[in-house]
Protein backbone atom coordinates (compact mmCIF):
# COMPACT_ATOMS: atom_id res chain seq x y z
CA UNK A 1 -1.71 -15.20 3.69
CA UNK A 2 -2.41 -16.62 7.16
CA UNK A 3 0.55 -14.71 8.57
CA UNK A 4 -0.81 -11.54 6.98
CA UNK A 5 -4.15 -12.00 8.74
CA UNK A 6 -2.39 -12.50 12.08
CA UNK A 7 -0.42 -9.27 11.67
CA UNK A 8 -3.52 -7.44 10.50
CA UNK A 9 -5.66 -8.52 13.45
CA UNK A 10 -3.04 -7.38 15.96
CA UNK A 11 -2.73 -3.97 14.36
CA UNK A 12 -6.44 -3.28 13.95
CA UNK A 13 -6.93 -3.53 17.70
CA UNK A 14 -4.41 -0.69 18.09
CA UNK A 15 -6.12 1.41 15.42
CA UNK A 16 -9.54 0.92 17.03
CA UNK A 17 -8.17 1.98 20.41
CA UNK A 18 -6.49 5.09 18.95
CA UNK A 19 -9.75 6.11 17.25
CA UNK A 20 -11.77 5.54 20.48
CA UNK A 21 -13.83 2.74 18.97
CA UNK A 22 -15.18 0.67 21.88
CA UNK A 23 -16.97 -2.67 21.59
CA UNK A 24 -16.16 -2.54 17.93
CA UNK A 25 -16.87 -4.99 15.13
CA UNK A 26 -14.27 -5.60 12.44
CA UNK A 27 -14.99 -7.02 9.00
CA UNK A 28 -11.97 -8.00 6.88
CA UNK A 29 -12.29 -8.67 3.17
CA UNK A 30 -9.49 -9.52 0.77
CA UNK A 31 -9.21 -6.97 -2.03
CA UNK A 32 -6.24 -8.52 -3.81
CA UNK A 33 -8.36 -10.30 -6.38
CA UNK A 34 -9.49 -6.93 -7.70
CA UNK A 35 -5.97 -5.75 -8.46
CA UNK A 36 -3.05 -6.88 -10.60
CA UNK A 37 -0.76 -6.56 -7.60
CA UNK A 38 2.09 -9.04 -7.30
CA UNK A 39 3.88 -7.60 -4.28
CA UNK A 40 1.15 -6.93 -1.73
CA UNK A 41 -1.83 -8.53 -0.04
CA UNK A 42 -4.63 -5.96 0.02
CA UNK A 43 -7.53 -5.89 2.46
CA UNK A 44 -10.57 -3.72 2.92
CA UNK A 45 -11.47 -3.37 6.58
CA UNK A 46 -14.72 -2.01 8.00
CA UNK A 47 -14.61 -0.87 11.62
CA UNK A 48 -17.95 -0.28 13.36
CA UNK A 49 -18.73 0.96 16.86
CA UNK A 50 -21.99 2.27 18.29
CA UNK A 51 -22.17 6.06 18.12
CA UNK A 52 -19.25 6.29 15.69
CA UNK A 53 -19.04 6.75 11.95
CA UNK A 54 -18.21 3.59 10.05
CA UNK A 55 -14.47 3.60 9.40
CA UNK A 56 -13.41 2.02 6.10
CA UNK A 57 -9.71 1.26 5.77
CA UNK A 58 -7.31 -0.02 3.15
CA UNK A 59 -4.64 -2.29 4.57
CA UNK A 60 -1.47 -3.35 2.77
CA UNK A 61 0.64 -6.27 3.92
CA UNK A 62 3.62 -7.41 1.81
CA UNK A 63 3.79 -10.84 0.28
CA UNK A 64 7.09 -11.80 1.94
CA UNK A 65 8.32 -14.49 -0.43
CA UNK A 66 8.40 -12.38 -3.58
CA UNK A 67 11.61 -11.79 -5.49
CA UNK A 68 10.44 -8.21 -6.09
CA UNK A 69 11.35 -7.44 -2.47
CA UNK A 70 14.99 -7.92 -3.43
CA UNK A 71 14.69 -5.52 -6.36
CA UNK A 72 12.80 -2.70 -4.69
CA UNK A 73 12.24 -1.83 -1.00
CA UNK A 74 8.67 -0.87 -1.85
CA UNK A 75 7.21 -1.22 1.63
CA UNK A 76 9.99 0.68 3.37
CA UNK A 77 9.54 3.44 0.82
CA UNK A 78 5.80 3.85 1.23
CA UNK A 79 6.09 3.76 5.01
CA UNK A 80 8.76 6.48 4.77
CA UNK A 81 6.41 8.59 2.66
CA UNK A 82 3.47 8.47 5.07
CA UNK A 83 5.39 8.42 8.34
CA UNK A 84 8.11 10.99 7.61
CA UNK A 85 7.97 12.81 4.29
CA UNK A 86 4.24 13.58 4.28
CA UNK A 87 4.44 14.97 7.81
CA UNK A 88 7.12 17.42 6.65
CA UNK A 89 5.05 18.36 3.62
CA UNK A 90 2.01 19.13 5.77
CA UNK A 91 4.11 21.31 8.08
CA UNK A 92 5.40 23.21 5.05
CA UNK A 93 1.87 23.77 3.78
CA UNK A 94 0.83 25.06 7.21
CA UNK A 95 3.89 27.31 7.45
CA UNK A 96 3.11 28.90 4.08
CA UNK A 97 -0.66 29.13 4.66
CA UNK A 98 -1.43 27.07 1.58
CA UNK A 99 -5.17 27.06 0.90
CA UNK A 100 -6.96 23.68 1.15
CA UNK A 101 -7.63 23.52 -2.60
CA UNK A 102 -3.91 23.87 -3.31
CA UNK A 103 -2.68 21.25 -0.84
CA UNK A 104 -1.56 17.75 -1.74
CA UNK A 105 -4.38 15.28 -1.09
CA UNK A 106 -3.44 11.76 0.02
CA UNK A 107 -5.19 8.92 1.85
CA UNK A 108 -5.23 9.48 5.61
CA UNK A 109 -2.50 7.51 7.37
CA UNK A 110 -3.69 5.55 10.43
CA UNK A 111 -0.85 3.16 11.21
CA UNK A 112 2.33 1.76 9.75
CA UNK A 113 5.35 -0.39 10.47
CA UNK A 114 8.45 -1.16 8.44
CA UNK A 115 9.68 -3.98 10.70
CA UNK A 116 10.91 -6.76 8.43
CA UNK A 117 8.22 -9.40 7.73
CA UNK A 118 5.79 -7.41 9.90
CA UNK A 119 5.38 -4.48 7.54
CA UNK A 120 1.90 -3.01 7.36
CA UNK A 121 0.17 0.16 6.22
CA UNK A 122 -3.32 1.14 7.36
CA UNK A 123 -4.77 3.90 5.22
CA UNK A 124 -8.07 5.57 4.54
CA UNK A 125 -10.14 3.72 1.93
CA UNK A 126 -10.82 6.42 -0.64
CA UNK A 127 -13.54 4.41 -2.35
CA UNK A 128 -15.73 5.26 0.64
CA UNK A 129 -15.45 8.89 -0.51
CA UNK A 130 -16.36 8.08 -4.09
CA UNK A 131 -12.88 7.74 -5.56
CA UNK A 132 -12.32 5.03 -8.16
CA UNK A 133 -9.28 3.71 -10.00
CA UNK A 134 -8.92 4.25 -13.70
CA UNK A 135 -9.43 1.13 -15.83
CA UNK A 136 -5.99 0.08 -17.05
CA UNK A 137 -7.32 -0.56 -20.54
CA UNK A 138 -8.97 2.84 -20.96
CA UNK A 139 -7.12 5.80 -22.42
CA UNK A 140 -7.09 9.09 -20.53
CA UNK A 141 -8.67 12.25 -21.97
CA UNK A 142 -7.55 15.87 -21.66
CA UNK A 143 -9.59 16.53 -18.51
CA UNK A 144 -8.06 13.54 -16.74
CA UNK A 145 -4.55 14.35 -17.96
CA UNK A 146 -4.77 18.00 -16.91
CA UNK A 147 -6.00 17.21 -13.40
CA UNK A 148 -3.36 14.50 -13.01
CA UNK A 149 -0.65 16.96 -14.01
CA UNK A 150 -1.97 19.56 -11.57
CA UNK A 151 -1.71 17.02 -8.76
CA UNK A 152 1.78 16.05 -9.92
CA UNK A 153 2.89 19.69 -9.95
CA UNK A 154 1.79 20.10 -6.31
CA UNK A 155 3.70 16.96 -5.37
CA UNK A 156 6.89 18.02 -7.13
CA UNK A 157 6.73 21.58 -5.80
CA UNK A 158 6.63 20.29 -2.23
CA UNK A 159 9.99 18.57 -2.66
CA UNK A 160 11.56 21.79 -3.94
CA UNK A 161 9.99 23.79 -1.12
CA UNK A 162 11.35 21.28 1.39
CA UNK A 163 14.87 21.44 -0.07
CA UNK A 164 14.75 25.25 0.16
CA UNK A 165 13.39 25.19 3.71
CA UNK A 166 15.63 22.44 5.11
CA UNK A 167 18.44 21.50 2.73
CA UNK A 168 20.33 19.42 5.29
CA UNK A 169 17.24 17.40 6.18
CA UNK A 170 16.44 16.95 2.50
CA UNK A 171 19.92 15.64 1.78
CA UNK A 172 19.64 13.18 4.66
CA UNK A 173 16.83 11.27 2.93
CA UNK A 174 19.27 8.57 1.86
CA UNK A 175 16.46 6.08 1.22
CA UNK A 176 15.52 8.12 -1.84
CA UNK A 177 18.91 7.98 -3.52
CA UNK A 178 19.30 4.27 -4.21
CA UNK A 179 15.96 2.52 -4.12
CA UNK A 180 16.23 0.36 -7.25
CA UNK A 181 18.40 -2.67 -7.92
CA UNK A 182 19.16 -1.94 -11.58
CA UNK A 183 20.38 -5.49 -12.16
CA UNK A 184 16.93 -6.89 -11.50
CA UNK A 185 15.25 -4.17 -13.54
CA UNK A 186 17.55 -4.73 -16.53
CA UNK A 187 16.29 -8.27 -17.04
CA UNK A 188 12.70 -7.01 -17.18
CA UNK A 189 13.66 -4.32 -19.71
CA UNK A 190 15.44 -6.84 -21.92
CA UNK A 191 12.52 -9.24 -21.78
CA UNK A 192 10.04 -6.47 -22.60
CA UNK A 193 12.02 -5.43 -25.67
CA UNK A 194 12.46 -9.00 -26.89
CA UNK A 195 8.71 -9.59 -26.53
CA UNK A 196 7.94 -6.37 -28.40
CA UNK A 197 10.23 -7.42 -31.25
CA UNK A 198 8.06 -10.49 -31.79
CA UNK A 199 4.91 -8.46 -32.47
CA UNK A 200 6.14 -5.13 -33.85
CA UNK A 201 5.63 -4.34 -37.53
CA UNK A 202 8.29 -5.90 -39.73
CA UNK A 203 9.38 -2.52 -41.12
CA UNK A 204 10.07 -1.25 -37.59
CA UNK A 205 11.88 -4.27 -36.19
CA UNK A 206 15.48 -3.40 -37.06
CA UNK A 207 15.02 0.19 -35.92
CA UNK A 208 13.55 -0.96 -32.60
CA UNK A 209 16.68 -3.07 -32.07
CA UNK A 210 18.84 0.01 -32.65
CA UNK A 211 16.69 2.01 -30.25
CA UNK A 212 17.15 -0.62 -27.54
CA UNK A 213 20.94 -0.48 -27.90
CA UNK A 214 20.92 3.31 -27.89
CA UNK A 215 18.63 3.70 -24.88
CA UNK A 216 20.22 1.16 -22.59
CA UNK A 217 23.94 1.28 -22.94
CA UNK A 218 25.50 -0.13 -19.82
CA UNK A 219 27.31 3.09 -18.95
CA UNK A 220 24.33 5.43 -18.96
CA UNK A 221 21.24 3.32 -18.33
CA UNK A 222 20.19 5.49 -15.38
CA UNK A 223 20.71 8.87 -17.04
CA UNK A 224 17.00 9.30 -17.76
CA UNK A 225 16.06 9.06 -14.10
CA UNK A 226 18.83 11.19 -12.66
CA UNK A 227 18.18 14.88 -11.94
CA UNK A 228 19.82 17.06 -14.57
CA UNK A 229 19.46 20.57 -13.17
CA UNK A 230 17.54 20.19 -9.92
CA UNK A 231 16.72 17.14 -7.79
CA UNK A 232 13.01 16.52 -7.26
CA UNK A 233 11.38 13.80 -5.18
CA UNK A 234 9.46 11.93 -7.87
CA UNK A 235 6.73 9.30 -7.71
CA UNK A 236 8.55 7.12 -10.27
CA UNK A 237 5.39 5.14 -11.13
CA UNK A 238 2.91 7.90 -11.95
CA UNK A 239 0.60 6.00 -14.26
CA UNK A 240 -3.21 5.89 -14.32
CA UNK A 241 -3.39 2.64 -12.34
CA UNK A 242 -1.72 4.47 -9.43
CA UNK A 243 -4.20 7.35 -9.55
CA UNK A 244 -7.74 7.63 -8.21
CA UNK A 245 -10.42 10.07 -9.27
CA UNK A 246 -13.93 11.25 -8.52
CA UNK A 247 -16.40 13.84 -9.77
CA UNK A 248 -17.53 16.23 -7.01
CA UNK A 249 -19.98 19.02 -7.81
CA UNK A 250 -19.18 18.57 -11.48
CA UNK A 251 -15.42 18.92 -11.00
CA UNK A 252 -12.91 16.11 -11.52
CA UNK A 253 -10.44 15.39 -8.71
CA UNK A 254 -7.37 13.19 -9.23
CA UNK A 255 -4.97 12.04 -6.51
CA UNK A 256 -2.01 9.66 -6.47
CA UNK A 257 -1.63 6.50 -4.41
CA UNK A 258 1.03 3.77 -4.10
CA UNK A 259 4.07 5.81 -3.15
CA UNK A 260 6.29 2.72 -3.27
CA UNK A 261 8.95 3.83 -5.74
CA UNK A 262 9.84 7.34 -4.60
CA UNK A 263 13.24 8.53 -5.71
CA UNK A 264 15.37 11.61 -6.09
CA UNK A 265 15.17 12.17 -9.78
CA UNK A 266 13.95 14.05 -12.79
CA UNK A 267 10.33 15.32 -12.76
CA UNK A 268 9.89 14.55 -16.45
CA UNK A 269 9.96 10.84 -15.56
CA UNK A 270 6.55 11.14 -13.91
CA UNK A 271 5.06 13.15 -16.77
CA UNK A 272 6.25 10.63 -19.33
CA UNK A 273 4.84 7.72 -17.29
CA UNK A 274 1.40 9.32 -17.20
CA UNK A 275 1.21 10.33 -20.84
CA UNK A 276 2.79 7.37 -22.61
CA UNK A 277 1.23 4.59 -20.55
CA UNK A 278 -2.14 6.31 -20.19
CA UNK A 279 -2.76 7.47 -23.75
CA UNK A 280 -2.46 6.52 -27.39
CA UNK A 281 -0.69 8.18 -30.30
CA UNK A 282 -3.86 10.03 -31.34
CA UNK A 283 -4.03 11.74 -27.94
CA UNK A 284 -0.30 12.52 -27.86
CA UNK A 285 -0.37 14.02 -31.35
CA UNK A 286 -3.01 16.48 -30.16
CA UNK A 287 -2.18 17.04 -26.50
CA UNK A 288 1.45 16.18 -25.65
CA UNK A 289 2.71 19.75 -26.07
CA UNK A 290 -0.32 21.08 -24.20
CA UNK A 291 0.32 18.63 -21.35
CA UNK A 292 3.90 19.82 -20.99
CA UNK A 293 2.83 23.47 -21.04
CA UNK A 294 0.11 22.82 -18.46
CA UNK A 295 2.43 20.97 -16.08
CA UNK A 296 5.10 23.67 -16.13
CA UNK A 297 2.53 26.43 -15.61
CA UNK A 298 1.04 24.56 -12.63
CA UNK A 299 4.49 23.88 -11.17
CA UNK A 300 5.31 27.59 -11.34
CA UNK A 301 2.04 28.47 -9.59
CA UNK A 302 2.77 25.93 -6.86
CA UNK A 303 6.31 27.21 -6.30
CA UNK A 304 5.07 30.81 -6.09
CA UNK A 305 2.60 29.78 -3.38
CA UNK A 306 5.64 28.73 -1.32
CA UNK A 307 7.27 32.10 -1.92
CA UNK A 308 9.77 30.71 -4.43
CA UNK A 309 10.92 32.07 -7.79
CA UNK A 310 10.33 29.48 -10.55
CA UNK A 311 12.64 31.26 -13.00
CA UNK A 312 15.52 31.02 -10.56
CA UNK A 313 14.82 27.51 -9.28
CA UNK A 314 13.70 25.66 -12.41
CA UNK A 315 13.89 27.89 -15.52
CA UNK A 316 11.77 27.06 -18.53
CA UNK A 317 14.93 26.43 -20.55
CA UNK A 318 15.98 23.70 -18.10
CA UNK A 319 12.52 22.15 -18.26
CA UNK A 320 12.51 22.07 -22.07
CA UNK A 321 16.01 20.56 -22.18
CA UNK A 322 15.05 17.84 -19.72
CA UNK A 323 11.90 17.02 -21.67
CA UNK A 324 14.00 16.44 -24.78
CA UNK A 325 16.51 14.29 -22.90
CA UNK A 326 14.01 12.20 -20.90
CA UNK A 327 11.21 11.73 -23.44
CA UNK A 328 12.86 8.57 -24.89
CA UNK A 329 12.20 6.91 -21.53
CA UNK A 330 8.53 6.71 -22.52
CA UNK A 331 9.25 3.81 -24.85
CA UNK A 332 10.93 1.69 -22.19
CA UNK A 333 8.24 2.57 -19.65
CA UNK A 334 5.51 1.60 -22.07
CA UNK A 335 6.99 -1.71 -23.17
CA UNK A 336 7.67 -2.81 -19.59
CA UNK A 337 4.24 -1.73 -18.36
CA UNK A 338 2.41 -3.47 -21.19
CA UNK A 339 4.00 -6.74 -20.08
CA UNK A 340 2.05 -6.56 -16.82
CA UNK A 341 -0.99 -4.67 -18.08
CA UNK A 342 -2.14 -7.56 -20.23
CA UNK A 343 -1.47 -10.44 -17.86
CA UNK A 344 -4.78 -12.16 -17.17
CA UNK A 345 -5.74 -11.84 -13.48
CA UNK A 346 -6.90 -15.43 -13.23
CA UNK A 347 -3.62 -16.69 -14.65
CA UNK A 348 -1.50 -14.37 -12.53
CA UNK A 349 -3.32 -14.89 -9.25
CA UNK A 350 -1.76 -18.28 -8.64
CA UNK A 351 1.87 -17.28 -9.12
CA UNK A 352 4.25 -15.75 -6.62
CA UNK A 353 6.48 -13.89 -9.04
CA UNK A 354 5.21 -12.13 -12.14
CA UNK A 355 5.96 -14.31 -15.14
CA UNK A 356 6.19 -12.09 -18.19
CA UNK A 357 5.23 -14.99 -20.44
CA UNK A 358 1.70 -15.06 -19.04
CA UNK A 359 0.12 -12.86 -21.67
CA UNK A 360 -2.99 -14.79 -22.65
CA UNK A 361 -4.51 -15.15 -26.09
CA UNK A 362 -7.49 -13.02 -25.07
CA UNK A 363 -5.18 -10.09 -24.30
CA UNK A 364 -2.66 -10.50 -27.10
CA UNK A 365 -4.54 -8.40 -29.65
CA UNK A 366 -4.63 -5.44 -27.28
CA UNK A 367 -0.97 -5.95 -26.42
CA UNK A 368 0.05 -5.92 -30.08
CA UNK A 369 -2.01 -2.77 -30.71
CA UNK A 370 -0.43 -0.91 -27.79
CA UNK A 371 3.11 -1.98 -28.71
CA UNK A 372 2.79 -0.84 -32.31
CA UNK A 373 1.06 2.38 -31.30
CA UNK A 374 3.95 3.53 -29.10
CA UNK A 375 6.70 2.22 -31.40
CA UNK A 376 5.12 4.00 -34.38
CA UNK A 377 4.99 7.19 -32.31
CA UNK A 378 8.65 7.07 -31.31
CA UNK A 379 9.87 6.30 -34.79
CA UNK A 380 7.67 8.93 -36.47
CA UNK A 381 8.61 11.69 -34.01
CA UNK A 382 12.30 10.76 -33.83
CA UNK A 383 12.35 10.98 -30.04
CA UNK A 384 15.47 8.80 -29.83
CA UNK A 385 18.63 10.46 -31.12
CA UNK A 386 21.33 8.06 -32.35
CA UNK A 387 25.03 8.64 -31.70
């Protein structure tokens, strides 16, 4: 933590100078206690200078001794997004005269570094503009889901537009092709399933075991993430806790944050993350089909704005086939996410590496409800096809 403050203080002087803040005052407050974040120290910084607007910043500094760094290069990835990929996206939007309301909205990027053990990201604090994070324990409604899918469609369309505009440059983004150490992830998946087996309804236990074997055979464990017909740049962690929203003039706005797990992959992965982690079976029974229809319609609109032909680039038949193939991933995503969703903040705050056994008694009832909700859904709908 002390090292993080040292790095932060050095960088903020540079940011103040770049923004022409003279004789400035800096206030630094830790924001980590407000988040279940096990990989990053978070700070809220207020920068004040006479005659200037108050500048409120979010600063991320990695916790360097975490095992998660060995599993996922999360800081390198997010720095790549803001420093390189987002710049290309903005140029594409300018080139195609995309209207402001149709552009991808992200926090403003002020400074970043991916130098090992000195990594830092300085971003606009969106809470100063009225954006808030969705409560992890609340279920999303149709309005929230639809706006989240519209934002996702813009994000996905940009990657296709970039690949059409500069295929060679797109293919040179090697950081996107191998960003996950599957060995480390496998242990989390196995633990999540074993924990779920302890609380799932007795009549579903044997079938859940079969589902685990079917979903995660050693030879094809990554097939759900891989692009099937067309490679998209996907968020790979598009759940409500990584989204922020606000109501402006009666209209809901939703934007994504935490671009730490970007990957070349299948766009359905992001849709499934949002819907299965953010909702319950009651919502999915009523709105899952509508969500899929809405996303594809918005993706087509976004592609057309870039002068592209959706039917030629990503036909509806390909989309429907990929939905059927990738939908089973929702079970794995849900079980793994619930292991962290219900870890008590006070218990977790003192540990360096997330211990999946730290589900407290006060959270266990909710955990059991969520587990059985999603398992019931998968078994009832027959999403997993057995060989």
